[in-house]
C-alpha atoms as a PDB file:
ATOM      1  CA  MET A   1       0.000   0.000   0.000  1.00  0.00           C
ATOM      2  CA  SER A   2       1.260   3.487  -0.767  1.00  0.00           C
ATOM      3  CA  GLN A   3       1.009   4.533   2.863  1.00  0.00           C
ATOM      4  CA  PHE A   4       2.923   3.798   6.050  1.00  0.00           C
ATOM      5  CA  THR A   5       0.059   2.321   8.105  1.00  0.00           C
ATOM      6  CA  SER A   6      -1.030  -1.234   7.365  1.00  0.00           C
ATOM      7  CA  GLN A   7      -4.614  -2.146   6.498  1.00  0.00           C
ATOM      8  CA  GLU A   8      -5.781  -5.728   6.265  1.00  0.00           C
ATOM      9  CA  GLY A   9      -2.229  -6.998   6.809  1.00  0.00           C
ATOM     10  CA  LYS A  10      -1.016  -5.720   3.427  1.00  0.00           C
ATOM     11  CA  LYS A  11       2.580  -4.570   3.097  1.00  0.00           C
ATOM     12  CA  THR A  12       3.141  -0.823   3.187  1.00  0.00           C
ATOM     13  CA  LEU A  13       5.938   1.584   2.357  1.00  0.00           C
ATOM     14  CA  LYS A  14       7.511   1.046   5.787  1.00  0.00           C
ATOM     15  CA  ASP A  15       8.140  -2.587   4.784  1.00  0.00           C
ATOM     16  CA  PHE A  16      10.364  -1.408   1.921  1.00  0.00           C
ATOM     17  CA  PHE A  17      11.846   1.963   2.879  1.00  0.00           C
ATOM     18  CA  ASP A  18      13.488   3.368   5.974  1.00  0.00           C
ATOM     19  CA  VAL A  19      12.340   6.976   6.144  1.00  0.00           C
ATOM     20  CA  PRO A  20      11.836   9.401   9.041  1.00  0.00           C
ATOM     21  CA  GLY A  21       8.525   9.211  10.890  1.00  0.00           C
ATOM     22  CA  ASN A  22       7.332  12.619   9.684  1.00  0.00           C
ATOM     23  CA  VAL A  23       7.471  11.609   5.985  1.00  0.00           C
ATOM     24  CA  TYR A  24       4.256  10.769   4.164  1.00  0.00           C
ATOM     25  CA  SER A  25       3.146   9.848   0.658  1.00  0.00           C
ATOM     26  CA  LEU A  26       1.517  12.451  -1.598  1.00  0.00           C
ATOM     27  CA  GLY A  27      -1.043  11.238  -4.101  1.00  0.00           C
ATOM     28  CA  ARG A  28      -1.523   7.659  -2.994  1.00  0.00           C
ATOM     29  CA  LEU A  29      -1.867   4.778  -5.430  1.00  0.00           C
ATOM     30  CA  ASP A  30      -4.397   2.031  -4.821  1.00  0.00           C
ATOM     31  CA  TYR A  31      -3.197  -1.475  -4.055  1.00  0.00           C
ATOM     32  CA  ASP A  32      -3.382  -2.639  -7.691  1.00  0.00           C
ATOM     33  CA  SER A  33      -1.628   0.403  -9.169  1.00  0.00           C
ATOM     34  CA  GLU A  34       2.058   1.178  -9.526  1.00  0.00           C
ATOM     35  CA  GLY A  35       4.414   3.975 -10.423  1.00  0.00           C
ATOM     36  CA  LEU A  36       5.498   7.344  -9.134  1.00  0.00           C
ATOM     37  CA  LEU A  37       5.040   8.239  -5.486  1.00  0.00           C
ATOM     38  CA  ILE A  38       6.336  11.395  -3.869  1.00  0.00           C
ATOM     39  CA  LEU A  39       7.416  11.029  -0.248  1.00  0.00           C
ATOM     40  CA  THR A  40       7.932  14.227   1.722  1.00  0.00           C
ATOM     41  CA  ASN A  41       7.533  16.059   5.009  1.00  0.00           C
ATOM     42  CA  ASP A  42       6.895  19.409   3.262  1.00  0.00           C
ATOM     43  CA  LYS A  43       3.418  20.731   4.137  1.00  0.00           C
ATOM     44  CA  LEU A  44       3.444  23.424   1.431  1.00  0.00           C
ATOM     45  CA  LEU A  45       4.268  20.809  -1.186  1.00  0.00           C
ATOM     46  CA  ASN A  46       1.434  18.669   0.174  1.00  0.00           C
ATOM     47  CA  HIS A  47      -0.961  21.614  -0.160  1.00  0.00           C
ATOM     48  CA  HIS A  48       0.086  22.337  -3.768  1.00  0.00           C
ATOM     49  CA  LEU A  49      -0.115  18.734  -4.953  1.00  0.00           C
ATOM     50  CA  LEU A  50      -3.358  17.734  -3.263  1.00  0.00           C
ATOM     51  CA  ASN A  51      -5.374  20.937  -3.678  1.00  0.00           C
ATOM     52  CA  PRO A  52      -7.465  20.673  -6.891  1.00  0.00           C
ATOM     53  CA  ALA A  53      -7.104  24.436  -7.497  1.00  0.00           C
ATOM     54  CA  PHE A  54      -3.498  23.905  -8.658  1.00  0.00           C
ATOM     55  CA  ALA A  55      -4.473  21.336 -11.335  1.00  0.00           C
ATOM     56  CA  HIS A  56      -1.039  19.773 -11.833  1.00  0.00           C
ATOM     57  CA  GLU A  57      -0.600  17.176 -14.571  1.00  0.00           C
ATOM     58  CA  ARG A  58      -0.444  13.475 -13.831  1.00  0.00           C
ATOM     59  CA  GLU A  59       0.441  11.072 -16.622  1.00  0.00           C
ATOM     60  CA  TYR A  60      -0.667   7.467 -16.483  1.00  0.00           C
ATOM     61  CA  TRP A  61       0.133   4.530 -18.725  1.00  0.00           C
ATOM     62  CA  VAL A  62      -2.946   2.350 -18.776  1.00  0.00           C
ATOM     63  CA  GLN A  63      -3.323  -1.152 -20.136  1.00  0.00           C
ATOM     64  CA  VAL A  64      -6.975  -1.804 -20.906  1.00  0.00           C
ATOM     65  CA  GLU A  65      -8.901  -4.909 -21.804  1.00  0.00           C
ATOM     66  CA  GLY A  66      -9.863  -4.859 -25.468  1.00  0.00           C
ATOM     67  CA  GLU A  67      -8.741  -2.882 -28.499  1.00  0.00           C
ATOM     68  CA  ILE A  68      -9.696   0.642 -27.419  1.00  0.00           C
ATOM     69  CA  THR A  69     -11.784   2.519 -29.976  1.00  0.00           C
ATOM     70  CA  ASP A  70     -11.568   6.095 -31.230  1.00  0.00           C
ATOM     71  CA  GLU A  71     -15.064   6.624 -29.835  1.00  0.00           C
ATOM     72  CA  ALA A  72     -13.943   5.597 -26.334  1.00  0.00           C
ATOM     73  CA  ILE A  73     -10.876   7.847 -26.597  1.00  0.00           C
ATOM     74  CA  ASN A  74     -13.094  10.789 -27.642  1.00  0.00           C
ATOM     75  CA  GLN A  75     -15.441  10.169 -24.719  1.00  0.00           C
ATOM     76  CA  LEU A  76     -12.547  10.084 -22.256  1.00  0.00           C
ATOM     77  CA  GLU A  77     -11.044  13.279 -23.725  1.00  0.00           C
ATOM     78  CA  GLN A  78     -14.306  15.149 -23.165  1.00  0.00           C
ATOM     79  CA  GLY A  79     -14.848  13.781 -19.665  1.00  0.00           C
ATOM     80  CA  VAL A  80     -17.193  11.077 -18.434  1.00  0.00           C
ATOM     81  CA  ASP A  81     -19.577  10.668 -15.510  1.00  0.00           C
ATOM     82  CA  ILE A  82     -18.228   8.447 -12.746  1.00  0.00           C
ATOM     83  CA  ASN A  83     -19.402   7.646  -9.234  1.00  0.00           C
ATOM     84  CA  ILE A  84     -17.300   9.133  -6.426  1.00  0.00           C
ATOM     85  CA  ASP A  85     -18.461   8.269  -2.911  1.00  0.00           C
ATOM     86  CA  GLY A  86     -22.055   7.751  -4.052  1.00  0.00           C
ATOM     87  CA  LYS A  87     -22.253  10.985  -6.079  1.00  0.00           C
ATOM     88  CA  MET A  88     -21.979  11.433  -9.832  1.00  0.00           C
ATOM     89  CA  PHE A  89     -18.915  13.400 -10.901  1.00  0.00           C
ATOM     90  CA  HIS A  90     -18.074  14.578 -14.429  1.00  0.00           C
ATOM     91  CA  THR A  91     -14.330  14.318 -15.037  1.00  0.00           C
ATOM     92  CA  LYS A  92     -12.466  17.242 -16.562  1.00  0.00           C
ATOM     93  CA  LYS A  93     -11.266  17.110 -20.141  1.00  0.00           C
ATOM     94  CA  CYS A  94      -8.029  15.174 -20.414  1.00  0.00           C
ATOM     95  CA  GLU A  95      -5.390  14.196 -22.929  1.00  0.00           C
ATOM     96  CA  ILE A  96      -5.400  10.594 -24.084  1.00  0.00           C
ATOM     97  CA  LYS A  97      -3.786   8.703 -26.908  1.00  0.00           C
ATOM     98  CA  LYS A  98      -3.171   5.114 -27.810  1.00  0.00           C
ATOM     99  CA  ILE A  99       0.481   4.054 -27.351  1.00  0.00           C
ATOM    100  CA  GLU A 100       2.621   1.033 -28.045  1.00  0.00           C
ATOM    101  CA  PRO A 101       3.110  -1.215 -25.016  1.00  0.00           C
ATOM    102  CA  PRO A 102       5.778   0.536 -22.921  1.00  0.00           C
ATOM    103  CA  LEU A 103       8.955  -1.197 -21.806  1.00  0.00           C
ATOM    104  CA  VAL A 104       8.187  -1.701 -18.131  1.00  0.00           C
ATOM    105  CA  ALA A 105       9.170  -4.245 -15.510  1.00  0.00           C
ATOM    106  CA  PRO A 106       6.861  -7.232 -15.191  1.00  0.00           C
ATOM    107  CA  ARG A 107       4.061  -6.701 -12.711  1.00  0.00           C
ATOM    108  CA  TYR A 108       3.933  -8.762  -9.556  1.00  0.00           C
ATOM    109  CA  PRO A 109       1.530 -10.342  -9.214  1.00  0.00           C
ATOM    110  CA  PRO A 110       0.956 -10.513 -12.965  1.00  0.00           C
ATOM    111  CA  ILE A 111      -2.300  -9.251 -14.421  1.00  0.00           C
ATOM    112  CA  ARG A 112      -4.851 -11.749 -15.641  1.00  0.00           C
ATOM    113  CA  VAL A 113      -4.359 -12.796 -19.249  1.00  0.00           C
ATOM    114  CA  ARG A 114      -7.115 -13.865 -21.610  1.00  0.00           C
ATOM    115  CA  LYS A 115      -5.676 -15.318 -24.797  1.00  0.00           C
ATOM    116  CA  ASN A 116      -8.775 -14.554 -26.874  1.00  0.00           C
ATOM    117  CA  ILE A 117      -9.261 -10.956 -25.725  1.00  0.00           C
ATOM    118  CA  PRO A 118      -6.894  -8.273 -27.025  1.00  0.00           C
ATOM    119  CA  GLU A 119      -5.499  -5.515 -24.873  1.00  0.00           C
ATOM    120  CA  SER A 120      -4.214  -2.039 -25.622  1.00  0.00           C
ATOM    121  CA  TRP A 121      -2.277   0.742 -23.907  1.00  0.00           C
ATOM    122  CA  VAL A 122      -3.132   4.423 -23.606  1.00  0.00           C
ATOM    123  CA  LYS A 123      -1.333   7.427 -22.196  1.00  0.00           C
ATOM    124  CA  LEU A 124      -3.765   9.462 -20.096  1.00  0.00           C
ATOM    125  CA  ILE A 125      -2.947  12.918 -18.722  1.00  0.00           C
ATOM    126  CA  LEU A 126      -5.226  14.270 -15.986  1.00  0.00           C
ATOM    127  CA  THR A 127      -5.226  17.459 -13.928  1.00  0.00           C
ATOM    128  CA  GLU A 128      -7.429  16.060 -11.174  1.00  0.00           C
ATOM    129  CA  GLY A 129      -7.192  13.009  -8.976  1.00  0.00           C
ATOM    130  CA  LYS A 130     -10.316  11.410  -7.588  1.00  0.00           C
ATOM    131  CA  ASN A 131     -10.249   8.019  -5.885  1.00  0.00           C
ATOM    132  CA  ARG A 132      -9.736   5.266  -8.511  1.00  0.00           C
ATOM    133  CA  GLN A 133     -10.565   7.820 -11.216  1.00  0.00           C
ATOM    134  CA  VAL A 134      -8.623   6.269 -14.096  1.00  0.00           C
ATOM    135  CA  ARG A 135     -10.079   2.816 -13.460  1.00  0.00           C
ATOM    136  CA  LYS A 136     -13.603   4.231 -13.267  1.00  0.00           C
ATOM    137  CA  MET A 137     -13.113   6.276 -16.442  1.00  0.00           C
ATOM    138  CA  THR A 138     -11.877   3.394 -18.604  1.00  0.00           C
ATOM    139  CA  ALA A 139     -14.565   1.054 -17.271  1.00  0.00           C
ATOM    140  CA  LYS A 140     -17.222   3.688 -18.043  1.00  0.00           C
ATOM    141  CA  VAL A 141     -16.320   3.594 -21.752  1.00  0.00           C
ATOM    142  CA  GLY A 142     -16.204  -0.216 -21.841  1.00  0.00           C
ATOM    143  CA  PHE A 143     -12.466  -0.867 -21.506  1.00  0.00           C
ATOM    144  CA  PRO A 144     -11.593  -1.981 -17.973  1.00  0.00           C
ATOM    145  CA  THR A 145      -8.116  -1.181 -16.675  1.00  0.00           C
ATOM    146  CA  LEU A 146      -5.806  -4.167 -16.393  1.00  0.00           C
ATOM    147  CA  ARG A 147      -2.614  -2.355 -15.398  1.00  0.00           C
ATOM    148  CA  LEU A 148      -2.167   1.224 -14.213  1.00  0.00           C
ATOM    149  CA  ILE A 149       1.202   2.968 -13.958  1.00  0.00           C
ATOM    150  CA  ARG A 150       1.577   6.578 -12.833  1.00  0.00           C
ATOM    151  CA  TYR A 151       4.511   7.649 -14.998  1.00  0.00           C
ATOM    152  CA  ARG A 152       4.693  11.375 -14.238  1.00  0.00           C
ATOM    153  CA  ILE A 153       3.565  14.212 -11.991  1.00  0.00           C
ATOM    154  CA  GLU A 154       4.369  17.508 -13.762  1.00  0.00           C
ATOM    155  CA  LYS A 155       8.079  17.059 -14.727  1.00  0.00           C
ATOM    156  CA  ILE A 156       8.958  14.314 -12.225  1.00  0.00           C
ATOM    157  CA  THR A 157       8.965  10.894 -13.891  1.00  0.00           C
ATOM    158  CA  ILE A 158       9.880   7.310 -13.121  1.00  0.00           C
ATOM    159  CA  GLU A 159      12.158   7.224 -16.157  1.00  0.00           C
ATOM    160  CA  ASN A 160      15.250   5.064 -15.498  1.00  0.00           C
ATOM    161  CA  LEU A 161      13.858   3.805 -12.167  1.00  0.00           C
ATOM    162  CA  GLN A 162      12.977   0.202 -11.446  1.00  0.00           C
ATOM    163  CA  PRO A 163      10.116  -0.777  -9.127  1.00  0.00           C
ATOM    164  CA  GLY A 164      11.137  -0.074  -5.542  1.00  0.00           C
ATOM    165  CA  GLU A 165      13.931   2.334  -6.449  1.00  0.00           C
ATOM    166  CA  MET A 166      14.004   5.806  -4.967  1.00  0.00           C
ATOM    167  CA  ARG A 167      15.490   9.062  -6.222  1.00  0.00           C
ATOM    168  CA  ILE A 168      16.164  11.820  -3.716  1.00  0.00           C
ATOM    169  CA  LEU A 169      15.487  15.375  -4.892  1.00  0.00           C
ATOM    170  CA  THR A 170      16.498  18.593  -3.224  1.00  0.00           C
ATOM    171  CA  HIS A 171      13.834  21.025  -2.110  1.00  0.00           C
ATOM    172  CA  ALA A 172      14.700  23.344  -5.025  1.00  0.00           C
ATOM    173  CA  GLU A 173      14.612  20.502  -7.586  1.00  0.00           C
ATOM    174  CA  MET A 174      11.244  19.328  -6.316  1.00  0.00           C
ATOM    175  CA  TYR A 175       9.639  22.769  -6.533  1.00  0.00           C
ATOM    176  CA  THR A 176      11.122  23.437  -9.983  1.00  0.00           C
ATOM    177  CA  LEU A 177      10.042  20.081 -11.432  1.00  0.00           C
ATOM    178  CA  LEU A 178       6.552  20.458  -9.989  1.00  0.00           C
ATOM    179  CA  ASN A 179       6.191  24.067 -11.204  1.00  0.00           C
ATOM    180  CA  ILE A 180       5.532  25.334  -7.685  1.00  0.00           C
ATOM    181  CA  LYS A 181       6.296  28.967  -6.949  1.00  0.00           C
ATOM    182  CA  LYS A 182       6.970  29.835  -3.321  1.00  0.00           C
END
């Protein structure tokens, strides 16, 4: 889990990383998702990344079940209605395009494979982050998410990092790469 407190006996960040007690994860990933996490103790950074008013970009690589159609891509670009905590929410317009399967480490545990059902990959760029939003969006247009990787937040990426690796950034680097003005 992309948090430091265990739920349901699942492993958490504290099982993999030794970080000070005042460090927390910004922009959590659900248990079945992978990719970029930002760990910090900076409250201003927390405010800028989690407050919807700042609308920072998040790029996801999404493997979906089926050969995604142009119609589904157009629907996602314009925003779709999804259920968030029992209320209907219309997602903001986003950028999406079909991509070739990216070169990424194998997922553990592996995703389910159906030999007779094709799959495709899309790059999805959002400026909002509701709970399980990407999964709900792709399911809404008929292409359930199989694998979800957060590749980028603003200019910070997971490029050249393997699962479980960490890159330490200075305060100045972090604010520059995230386009945050103090």
